[in-house]
Amino acid sequence: MNKIVVNILNTIITIITAGVILFFSSLSAQAAEIPETYTNDNFWSSAHDQPVSFSQDIEGNFSGITVTGKIFTQTNITNSADIRLQRFAIDKAFFYVSDKGIIVASSNAKALSVYLSRNT
């Protein structure tokens, strides 16, 4: 009877150890794919870090932090046309979010121009 209990305990310990190893190895593998610094050149082709938390201020802007400690923001772009356009930024990468989709542009004015040129 004692041999059975010992075998069961050994099996449980082996399974737990294997699970812990797989868990931590998957974390390091995922972290290896996330660039040290996101840029406009690597953002769309890199693995994306997961947010840990984020908050919204009273003006509708968002800010947060990712698993690896990266700070990100999504801020409203004020414009005379009252178009809802937000700039998402993380590290050195940024793009714009609108009801007409994602806009990749080098400035707020260019993003607004792209927005106005889109039909849908």
N, C-alpha and C. Protein backbone atom coordinates (compact mmCIF):
# COMPACT_ATOMS: atom_id res chain seq x y z
N MET A 1 0.82 -1.19 0.00
CA MET A 1 0.00 0.00 0.00
C MET A 1 0.87 1.26 0.00
N ASN A 2 1.95 1.24 0.79
CA ASN A 2 2.83 2.41 0.86
C ASN A 2 3.52 2.68 -0.47
N LYS A 3 3.86 1.60 -1.22
CA LYS A 3 4.49 1.78 -2.53
C LYS A 3 3.54 2.49 -3.49
N ILE A 4 2.28 2.18 -3.42
CA ILE A 4 1.28 2.81 -4.29
C ILE A 4 1.20 4.31 -3.97
N VAL A 5 1.16 4.65 -2.70
CA VAL A 5 1.08 6.06 -2.28
C VAL A 5 2.34 6.81 -2.74
N VAL A 6 3.49 6.19 -2.55
CA VAL A 6 4.75 6.82 -2.96
C VAL A 6 4.78 7.01 -4.48
N ASN A 7 4.33 6.03 -5.23
CA ASN A 7 4.28 6.15 -6.70
C ASN A 7 3.33 7.26 -7.13
N ILE A 8 2.20 7.34 -6.49
CA ILE A 8 1.23 8.40 -6.81
C ILE A 8 1.82 9.77 -6.50
N LEU A 9 2.45 9.90 -5.33
CA LEU A 9 3.08 11.18 -4.96
C LEU A 9 4.19 11.55 -5.94
N ASN A 10 5.01 10.58 -6.31
CA ASN A 10 6.07 10.85 -7.29
C ASN A 10 5.49 11.29 -8.63
N THR A 11 4.42 10.66 -9.06
CA THR A 11 3.77 11.03 -10.32
C THR A 11 3.23 12.46 -10.23
N ILE A 12 2.59 12.80 -9.13
CA ILE A 12 2.04 14.15 -8.93
C ILE A 12 3.17 15.19 -8.95
N ILE A 13 4.26 14.89 -8.25
CA ILE A 13 5.39 15.81 -8.21
C ILE A 13 6.00 15.98 -9.61
N THR A 14 6.11 14.90 -10.35
CA THR A 14 6.64 14.96 -11.72
C THR A 14 5.75 15.82 -12.61
N ILE A 15 4.45 15.62 -12.51
CA ILE A 15 3.49 16.40 -13.32
C ILE A 15 3.57 17.88 -12.96
N ILE A 16 3.61 18.19 -11.68
CA ILE A 16 3.69 19.59 -11.24
C ILE A 16 5.00 20.21 -11.71
N THR A 17 6.11 19.49 -11.57
CA THR A 17 7.41 19.99 -12.02
C THR A 17 7.40 20.26 -13.52
N ALA A 18 6.88 19.32 -14.28
CA ALA A 18 6.80 19.49 -15.74
C ALA A 18 5.94 20.70 -16.09
N GLY A 19 4.82 20.86 -15.40
CA GLY A 19 3.95 22.01 -15.63
C GLY A 19 4.64 23.33 -15.33
N VAL A 20 5.37 23.39 -14.24
CA VAL A 20 6.09 24.61 -13.87
C VAL A 20 7.17 24.91 -14.91
N ILE A 21 7.90 23.89 -15.34
CA ILE A 21 8.94 24.10 -16.35
C ILE A 21 8.32 24.60 -17.66
N LEU A 22 7.23 23.98 -18.10
CA LEU A 22 6.57 24.42 -19.33
C LEU A 22 6.05 25.84 -19.20
N PHE A 23 5.49 26.17 -18.05
CA PHE A 23 4.96 27.51 -17.83
C PHE A 23 6.06 28.55 -17.93
N PHE A 24 7.16 28.36 -17.21
CA PHE A 24 8.24 29.35 -17.22
C PHE A 24 8.99 29.38 -18.55
N SER A 25 9.10 28.25 -19.22
CA SER A 25 9.77 28.27 -20.52
C SER A 25 8.91 28.98 -21.55
N SER A 26 7.59 28.87 -21.46
CA SER A 26 6.73 29.60 -22.39
C SER A 26 6.79 31.10 -22.13
N LEU A 27 6.95 31.49 -20.89
CA LEU A 27 7.10 32.92 -20.58
C LEU A 27 8.38 33.47 -21.17
N SER A 28 9.47 32.75 -21.02
CA SER A 28 10.74 33.26 -21.55
C SER A 28 10.73 33.24 -23.07
N ALA A 29 10.08 32.26 -23.68
CA ALA A 29 10.00 32.22 -25.14
C ALA A 29 9.17 33.38 -25.65
N GLN A 30 8.07 33.70 -24.96
CA GLN A 30 7.24 34.82 -25.39
C GLN A 30 7.98 36.13 -25.20
N ALA A 31 8.66 36.29 -24.09
CA ALA A 31 9.38 37.52 -23.82
C ALA A 31 10.50 37.73 -24.83
N ALA A 32 11.08 36.64 -25.32
CA ALA A 32 12.16 36.75 -26.30
C ALA A 32 11.66 37.34 -27.61
N GLU A 33 10.40 37.15 -27.94
CA GLU A 33 9.84 37.66 -29.18
C GLU A 33 9.47 39.14 -29.09
N ILE A 34 9.28 39.64 -27.90
CA ILE A 34 8.90 41.04 -27.71
C ILE A 34 10.17 41.89 -27.80
N PRO A 35 10.18 42.88 -28.70
CA PRO A 35 11.40 43.68 -28.85
C PRO A 35 11.70 44.51 -27.61
N GLU A 36 12.96 44.85 -27.45
CA GLU A 36 13.36 45.70 -26.32
C GLU A 36 12.64 47.05 -26.42
N THR A 37 12.56 47.59 -27.64
CA THR A 37 11.87 48.84 -27.88
C THR A 37 11.01 48.70 -29.12
N TYR A 38 9.71 48.97 -29.00
CA TYR A 38 8.85 49.00 -30.18
C TYR A 38 9.15 50.27 -30.96
N THR A 39 9.22 50.12 -32.28
CA THR A 39 9.37 51.27 -33.18
C THR A 39 8.31 51.14 -34.27
N ASN A 40 8.16 52.17 -35.08
CA ASN A 40 7.21 52.08 -36.19
C ASN A 40 7.65 51.03 -37.20
N ASP A 41 8.95 50.71 -37.21
CA ASP A 41 9.46 49.70 -38.15
C ASP A 41 9.21 48.27 -37.69
N ASN A 42 9.16 48.04 -36.37
CA ASN A 42 9.03 46.64 -35.91
C ASN A 42 7.68 46.33 -35.24
N PHE A 43 6.87 47.33 -34.98
CA PHE A 43 5.64 47.09 -34.20
C PHE A 43 4.71 46.08 -34.86
N TRP A 44 4.47 46.21 -36.14
CA TRP A 44 3.47 45.36 -36.80
C TRP A 44 3.97 43.94 -37.05
N SER A 45 5.29 43.73 -37.01
CA SER A 45 5.83 42.39 -37.25
C SER A 45 6.34 41.71 -35.98
N SER A 46 6.19 42.37 -34.83
CA SER A 46 6.67 41.82 -33.56
C SER A 46 5.53 41.22 -32.76
N ALA A 47 5.90 40.38 -31.81
CA ALA A 47 4.91 39.90 -30.84
C ALA A 47 4.46 41.09 -30.00
N HIS A 48 3.21 41.09 -29.61
CA HIS A 48 2.69 42.21 -28.83
C HIS A 48 2.59 41.83 -27.36
N ASP A 49 3.16 42.69 -26.55
CA ASP A 49 3.15 42.52 -25.10
C ASP A 49 1.71 42.64 -24.59
N GLN A 50 1.38 41.86 -23.58
CA GLN A 50 0.02 41.89 -23.03
C GLN A 50 -0.10 42.96 -21.95
N PRO A 51 -1.21 43.69 -21.94
CA PRO A 51 -1.41 44.68 -20.88
C PRO A 51 -1.69 44.01 -19.54
N VAL A 52 -1.14 44.59 -18.49
CA VAL A 52 -1.41 44.12 -17.14
C VAL A 52 -2.56 44.94 -16.56
N SER A 53 -2.50 46.24 -16.81
CA SER A 53 -3.56 47.12 -16.34
C SER A 53 -3.61 48.36 -17.21
N PHE A 54 -4.75 49.02 -17.21
CA PHE A 54 -4.88 50.30 -17.88
C PHE A 54 -6.00 51.07 -17.21
N SER A 55 -5.99 52.38 -17.41
CA SER A 55 -7.03 53.22 -16.82
C SER A 55 -7.39 54.33 -17.80
N GLN A 56 -8.56 54.88 -17.58
CA GLN A 56 -9.07 55.96 -18.42
C GLN A 56 -9.23 57.21 -17.57
N ASP A 57 -8.79 58.35 -18.10
CA ASP A 57 -8.99 59.60 -17.36
C ASP A 57 -10.35 60.21 -17.74
N ILE A 58 -10.69 61.34 -17.15
CA ILE A 58 -12.01 61.93 -17.36
C ILE A 58 -12.19 62.48 -18.78
N GLU A 59 -11.08 62.65 -19.52
CA GLU A 59 -11.16 63.15 -20.89
C GLU A 59 -11.20 62.03 -21.93
N GLY A 60 -11.17 60.77 -21.47
CA GLY A 60 -11.25 59.63 -22.39
C GLY A 60 -9.92 59.12 -22.88
N ASN A 61 -8.82 59.61 -22.31
CA ASN A 61 -7.49 59.11 -22.66
C ASN A 61 -7.20 57.86 -21.82
N PHE A 62 -6.42 56.95 -22.39
CA PHE A 62 -6.06 55.73 -21.69
C PHE A 62 -4.55 55.68 -21.46
N SER A 63 -4.14 55.05 -20.39
CA SER A 63 -2.73 54.74 -20.17
C SER A 63 -2.66 53.42 -19.42
N GLY A 64 -1.55 52.71 -19.62
CA GLY A 64 -1.42 51.42 -18.97
C GLY A 64 0.00 50.92 -19.00
N ILE A 65 0.15 49.70 -18.50
CA ILE A 65 1.46 49.05 -18.44
C ILE A 65 1.31 47.60 -18.89
N THR A 66 2.37 47.08 -19.51
CA THR A 66 2.33 45.72 -20.03
C THR A 66 3.06 44.77 -19.09
N VAL A 67 3.01 43.49 -19.42
CA VAL A 67 3.65 42.45 -18.63
C VAL A 67 5.14 42.73 -18.45
N THR A 68 5.80 43.23 -19.51
CA THR A 68 7.24 43.48 -19.42
C THR A 68 7.57 44.89 -18.94
N GLY A 69 6.55 45.65 -18.49
CA GLY A 69 6.80 46.97 -17.92
C GLY A 69 6.76 48.12 -18.90
N LYS A 70 6.31 47.90 -20.11
CA LYS A 70 6.21 48.97 -21.09
C LYS A 70 4.97 49.81 -20.81
N ILE A 71 5.13 51.12 -20.89
CA ILE A 71 4.00 52.03 -20.70
C ILE A 71 3.40 52.34 -22.07
N PHE A 72 2.07 52.31 -22.15
CA PHE A 72 1.40 52.66 -23.39
C PHE A 72 0.32 53.69 -23.10
N THR A 73 -0.01 54.47 -24.13
CA THR A 73 -1.06 55.48 -24.00
C THR A 73 -1.94 55.46 -25.24
N GLN A 74 -3.16 55.89 -25.07
CA GLN A 74 -4.05 56.13 -26.20
C GLN A 74 -4.75 57.45 -25.88
N THR A 75 -4.34 58.51 -26.60
CA THR A 75 -4.80 59.86 -26.29
C THR A 75 -5.67 60.42 -27.41
N ASN A 76 -6.64 61.21 -27.02
CA ASN A 76 -7.52 61.87 -27.97
C ASN A 76 -6.76 62.97 -28.70
N ILE A 77 -6.98 63.07 -30.01
CA ILE A 77 -6.40 64.14 -30.81
C ILE A 77 -7.50 65.17 -31.05
N THR A 78 -7.31 66.34 -30.48
CA THR A 78 -8.29 67.41 -30.63
C THR A 78 -8.16 68.01 -32.02
N ASN A 79 -9.29 68.22 -32.68
CA ASN A 79 -9.28 68.82 -34.02
C ASN A 79 -10.54 69.64 -34.22
N SER A 80 -10.49 70.59 -35.14
CA SER A 80 -11.61 71.51 -35.37
C SER A 80 -12.81 70.82 -36.03
N ALA A 81 -12.60 69.64 -36.61
CA ALA A 81 -13.69 68.92 -37.27
C ALA A 81 -14.47 68.02 -36.30
N ASP A 82 -14.07 68.00 -35.03
CA ASP A 82 -14.71 67.15 -34.02
C ASP A 82 -14.72 65.67 -34.41
N ILE A 83 -13.66 65.24 -35.07
CA ILE A 83 -13.51 63.83 -35.45
C ILE A 83 -12.82 63.12 -34.31
N ARG A 84 -13.38 61.98 -33.91
CA ARG A 84 -12.77 61.20 -32.83
C ARG A 84 -11.60 60.41 -33.41
N LEU A 85 -10.41 60.84 -33.04
CA LEU A 85 -9.18 60.23 -33.49
C LEU A 85 -8.28 60.10 -32.27
N GLN A 86 -7.72 58.93 -32.09
CA GLN A 86 -6.85 58.69 -30.94
C GLN A 86 -5.48 58.21 -31.41
N ARG A 87 -4.45 58.65 -30.69
CA ARG A 87 -3.07 58.24 -30.98
C ARG A 87 -2.66 57.20 -29.95
N PHE A 88 -2.34 55.98 -30.44
CA PHE A 88 -1.83 54.92 -29.57
C PHE A 88 -0.32 54.96 -29.65
N ALA A 89 0.35 54.92 -28.49
CA ALA A 89 1.82 54.95 -28.47
C ALA A 89 2.34 53.96 -27.43
N ILE A 90 3.42 53.27 -27.81
CA ILE A 90 4.15 52.39 -26.90
C ILE A 90 5.62 52.45 -27.32
N ASP A 91 6.49 52.74 -26.39
CA ASP A 91 7.90 52.98 -26.71
C ASP A 91 7.98 54.07 -27.78
N LYS A 92 8.65 53.77 -28.90
CA LYS A 92 8.79 54.75 -29.98
C LYS A 92 7.77 54.53 -31.10
N ALA A 93 6.93 53.54 -30.96
CA ALA A 93 5.92 53.23 -31.99
C ALA A 93 4.63 53.99 -31.69
N PHE A 94 3.96 54.41 -32.76
CA PHE A 94 2.65 55.03 -32.60
C PHE A 94 1.84 54.88 -33.88
N PHE A 95 0.52 54.91 -33.73
CA PHE A 95 -0.41 54.90 -34.85
C PHE A 95 -1.71 55.49 -34.33
N TYR A 96 -2.67 55.62 -35.22
CA TYR A 96 -3.92 56.28 -34.87
C TYR A 96 -5.08 55.30 -34.97
N VAL A 97 -6.06 55.49 -34.10
CA VAL A 97 -7.24 54.63 -34.04
C VAL A 97 -8.46 55.51 -34.32
N SER A 98 -9.32 55.05 -35.21
CA SER A 98 -10.52 55.82 -35.55
C SER A 98 -11.67 54.88 -35.87
N ASP A 99 -12.83 55.46 -36.11
CA ASP A 99 -13.97 54.64 -36.52
C ASP A 99 -13.83 54.16 -37.97
N LYS A 100 -12.80 54.65 -38.67
CA LYS A 100 -12.51 54.20 -40.03
C LYS A 100 -11.28 53.28 -40.06
N GLY A 101 -10.92 52.75 -38.90
CA GLY A 101 -9.82 51.80 -38.81
C GLY A 101 -8.53 52.42 -38.30
N ILE A 102 -7.48 51.61 -38.38
CA ILE A 102 -6.14 52.02 -37.96
C ILE A 102 -5.54 52.91 -39.04
N ILE A 103 -4.87 53.97 -38.61
CA ILE A 103 -4.19 54.87 -39.55
C ILE A 103 -2.73 54.96 -39.13
N VAL A 104 -1.85 54.66 -40.07
CA VAL A 104 -0.41 54.80 -39.83
C VAL A 104 0.00 56.11 -40.50
N ALA A 105 0.43 57.07 -39.72
CA ALA A 105 0.83 58.38 -40.23
C ALA A 105 1.91 58.96 -39.33
N SER A 106 2.68 59.88 -39.88
CA SER A 106 3.82 60.44 -39.14
C SER A 106 3.46 61.63 -38.26
N SER A 107 2.22 62.12 -38.35
CA SER A 107 1.82 63.26 -37.51
C SER A 107 0.30 63.27 -37.34
N ASN A 108 -0.16 64.05 -36.39
CA ASN A 108 -1.60 64.17 -36.17
C ASN A 108 -2.30 64.74 -37.40
N ALA A 109 -1.71 65.77 -38.02
CA ALA A 109 -2.30 66.40 -39.20
C ALA A 109 -2.41 65.40 -40.36
N LYS A 110 -1.37 64.60 -40.56
CA LYS A 110 -1.41 63.60 -41.64
C LYS A 110 -2.44 62.51 -41.34
N ALA A 111 -2.56 62.13 -40.08
CA ALA A 111 -3.57 61.13 -39.71
C ALA A 111 -4.97 61.67 -39.96
N LEU A 112 -5.20 62.91 -39.64
CA LEU A 112 -6.50 63.52 -39.89
C LEU A 112 -6.78 63.59 -41.39
N SER A 113 -5.77 63.90 -42.19
CA SER A 113 -5.92 63.93 -43.65
C SER A 113 -6.28 62.56 -44.20
N VAL A 114 -5.61 61.52 -43.71
CA VAL A 114 -5.92 60.15 -44.13
C VAL A 114 -7.35 59.80 -43.74
N TYR A 115 -7.74 60.17 -42.54
CA TYR A 115 -9.10 59.91 -42.06
C TYR A 115 -10.13 60.53 -43.02
N LEU A 116 -9.91 61.79 -43.35
CA LEU A 116 -10.87 62.51 -44.21
C LEU A 116 -10.92 61.94 -45.63
N SER A 117 -9.85 61.31 -46.07
CA SER A 117 -9.80 60.74 -47.42
C SER A 117 -10.47 59.37 -47.52
N ARG A 118 -10.71 58.74 -46.39
CA ARG A 118 -11.34 57.41 -46.41
C ARG A 118 -12.85 57.53 -46.54
N ASN A 119 -13.42 56.60 -47.32
CA ASN A 119 -14.87 56.62 -47.53
C ASN A 119 -15.62 55.93 -46.41
N THR A 120 -15.02 54.85 -45.89
CA THR A 120 -15.71 54.11 -44.82
C THR A 120 -14.92 54.12 -43.56
